[in-house]
Protein backbone atom coordinates (compact mmCIF):
# COMPACT_ATOMS: atom_id res chain seq x y z
CA MET A 1 -48.21 5.77 -47.32
CA GLU A 2 -45.01 4.28 -46.69
CA PRO A 3 -44.31 3.25 -42.88
CA GLY A 4 -42.41 6.10 -40.83
CA LYS A 5 -43.40 8.85 -43.57
CA GLU A 6 -46.22 11.40 -42.00
CA ALA A 7 -49.38 12.34 -44.52
CA GLY A 8 -49.31 15.37 -46.05
CA PRO A 9 -48.00 16.59 -49.30
CA ALA A 10 -44.33 16.34 -50.29
CA PRO A 11 -42.94 20.05 -50.07
CA GLY A 12 -42.57 21.66 -53.17
CA PRO A 13 -40.52 24.67 -54.76
CA GLY A 14 -43.11 27.19 -53.94
CA GLU A 15 -43.87 26.22 -50.41
CA LYS A 16 -44.79 28.84 -47.91
CA ASP A 17 -45.27 28.95 -44.07
CA ALA A 18 -48.77 29.96 -42.52
CA LEU A 19 -47.46 33.42 -43.07
CA GLY A 20 -46.81 33.30 -46.57
CA ARG A 21 -43.04 32.93 -45.90
CA GLY A 22 -40.84 30.35 -48.16
CA GLU A 23 -38.04 28.48 -47.96
CA ASP A 24 -35.46 31.61 -48.66
CA TRP A 25 -36.85 33.67 -45.54
CA TRP A 26 -36.02 30.70 -42.87
CA ARG A 27 -33.01 29.60 -44.34
CA ALA A 28 -31.93 33.58 -44.04
CA ARG A 29 -33.02 33.34 -40.61
CA ALA A 30 -31.41 30.10 -39.80
CA SER A 31 -28.09 31.40 -41.60
CA GLU A 32 -28.18 34.77 -39.94
CA TRP A 33 -28.35 32.63 -36.22
CA ASN A 34 -25.46 30.42 -37.60
CA GLU A 35 -23.14 33.04 -38.46
CA LYS A 36 -23.84 35.06 -35.04
CA LEU A 37 -23.00 31.66 -33.43
CA LYS A 38 -19.59 31.67 -35.51
CA THR A 39 -18.98 35.03 -35.17
CA SER A 40 -19.59 34.83 -31.40
CA ARG A 41 -17.65 31.68 -30.79
CA ARG A 42 -14.78 33.18 -32.63
CA ASN A 43 -14.58 36.57 -30.60
CA TYR A 44 -15.00 34.54 -27.58
CA GLU A 45 -11.68 32.52 -28.31
CA ILE A 46 -9.54 35.90 -29.21
CA THR A 47 -11.18 37.56 -26.53
CA TYR A 48 -10.26 34.42 -23.93
CA ASN A 49 -6.44 34.31 -25.29
CA GLU A 50 -6.09 38.20 -24.54
CA TRP A 51 -7.55 37.42 -21.19
CA LYS A 52 -5.43 34.55 -20.44
CA ALA A 53 -2.10 36.22 -22.10
CA LYS A 54 -3.01 39.13 -19.49
CA GLU A 55 -3.45 37.29 -16.63
CA GLN A 56 0.22 35.73 -17.08
CA GLU A 57 1.69 39.04 -17.85
CA LEU A 58 0.38 40.19 -14.57
CA GLU A 59 1.91 37.19 -12.69
CA THR A 60 5.29 38.18 -14.17
CA SER A 61 4.91 41.69 -13.12
CA ILE A 62 6.18 41.30 -9.95
CA SER A 63 8.76 43.70 -10.04
CA LYS A 64 6.71 46.51 -11.69
CA PRO A 65 5.04 49.21 -10.38
CA ASP A 66 2.08 48.98 -9.04
CA SER A 67 0.31 51.32 -11.47
CA PHE A 68 1.50 49.54 -14.59
CA LYS A 69 0.21 46.21 -12.11
CA ARG A 70 -3.36 48.37 -11.37
CA LYS A 71 -3.59 49.01 -15.30
CA LEU A 72 -3.36 45.00 -16.37
CA LYS A 73 -5.84 44.16 -13.70
CA ALA A 74 -8.23 46.78 -15.03
CA GLU A 75 -7.49 45.51 -18.47
CA ILE A 76 -8.00 41.55 -16.74
CA LYS A 77 -11.30 42.84 -15.46
CA ALA A 78 -12.43 44.10 -18.83
CA LEU A 79 -11.10 41.09 -20.58
CA GLU A 80 -13.22 39.12 -18.34
CA GLU A 81 -16.68 41.10 -18.66
CA LYS A 82 -15.97 40.76 -22.71
CA VAL A 83 -15.69 37.03 -22.28
CA LYS A 84 -18.86 36.73 -20.29
CA ASP A 85 -20.25 39.00 -22.50
CA TRP A 86 -19.52 36.27 -25.31
CA GLU A 87 -20.57 33.75 -23.44
CA LYS A 88 -23.87 35.03 -23.50
CA GLN A 89 -24.17 35.54 -27.02
CA ILE A 90 -22.91 32.20 -28.09
CA GLU A 91 -25.90 30.52 -25.73
CA GLU A 92 -28.50 33.17 -27.02
CA ALA A 93 -27.33 32.02 -30.86
CA LYS A 94 -27.31 28.27 -29.66
CA ASN A 95 -30.79 28.72 -27.84
CA MET A 96 -32.02 30.43 -31.53
CA ILE A 97 -30.99 27.38 -33.22
CA GLU A 98 -31.48 24.68 -31.43
CA ASN A 99 -34.84 25.78 -29.86
CA VAL A 100 -36.61 28.96 -30.85
CA LEU A 101 -36.54 28.85 -34.67
CA PRO A 102 -37.34 25.01 -34.86
CA LYS A 103 -40.60 25.96 -32.80
CA GLN A 104 -41.15 28.80 -34.80
CA ALA A 105 -41.16 26.61 -37.80
CA ARG A 106 -43.54 24.04 -36.39
CA ASP A 107 -45.65 27.16 -34.95
CA TYR A 108 -45.70 28.27 -38.57
CA ARG A 109 -45.64 25.21 -40.29
CA ALA A 110 -42.61 25.65 -42.11
CA ASN A 111 -40.62 22.75 -43.64
CA PRO A 112 -38.03 21.90 -40.78
CA ASP A 113 -35.39 21.23 -43.62
CA TRP A 114 -35.46 24.91 -44.28
CA LEU A 115 -33.83 25.60 -41.22
CA LYS A 116 -30.67 23.38 -41.97
CA SER A 117 -27.93 24.53 -43.83
CA LYS A 118 -26.86 22.62 -46.65
CA THR A 119 -22.88 22.80 -44.95
CA ASN A 120 -23.60 23.62 -41.45
CA LYS A 121 -22.78 20.72 -38.62
CA ASN A 122 -23.60 22.69 -34.96
């Protein structure tokens, strides 16, 4: 055995985890969460920028009617809540990718390389 290598058979093309799931299942699961993370980050950025633009609009609306300002404040509050929701989704996806899926792979004796995308850079 080479130094630094664990004992055990090399991963084969028909390798399965303890529940009989193979590389395709694990890659699909990891890909799903990576896509959720990417989408959540993109939506966070869009919503955050909308939120900040509305705040700027409110700051410059000194001479506008109170009803207009109230409407802006309501929109700002709604966008702020959406930003918080996207932050939660980002954290959930990161947790799945960094902690949950690797733990599940260990628990079910799946090849940890199956979780790595060939093009994924977290």
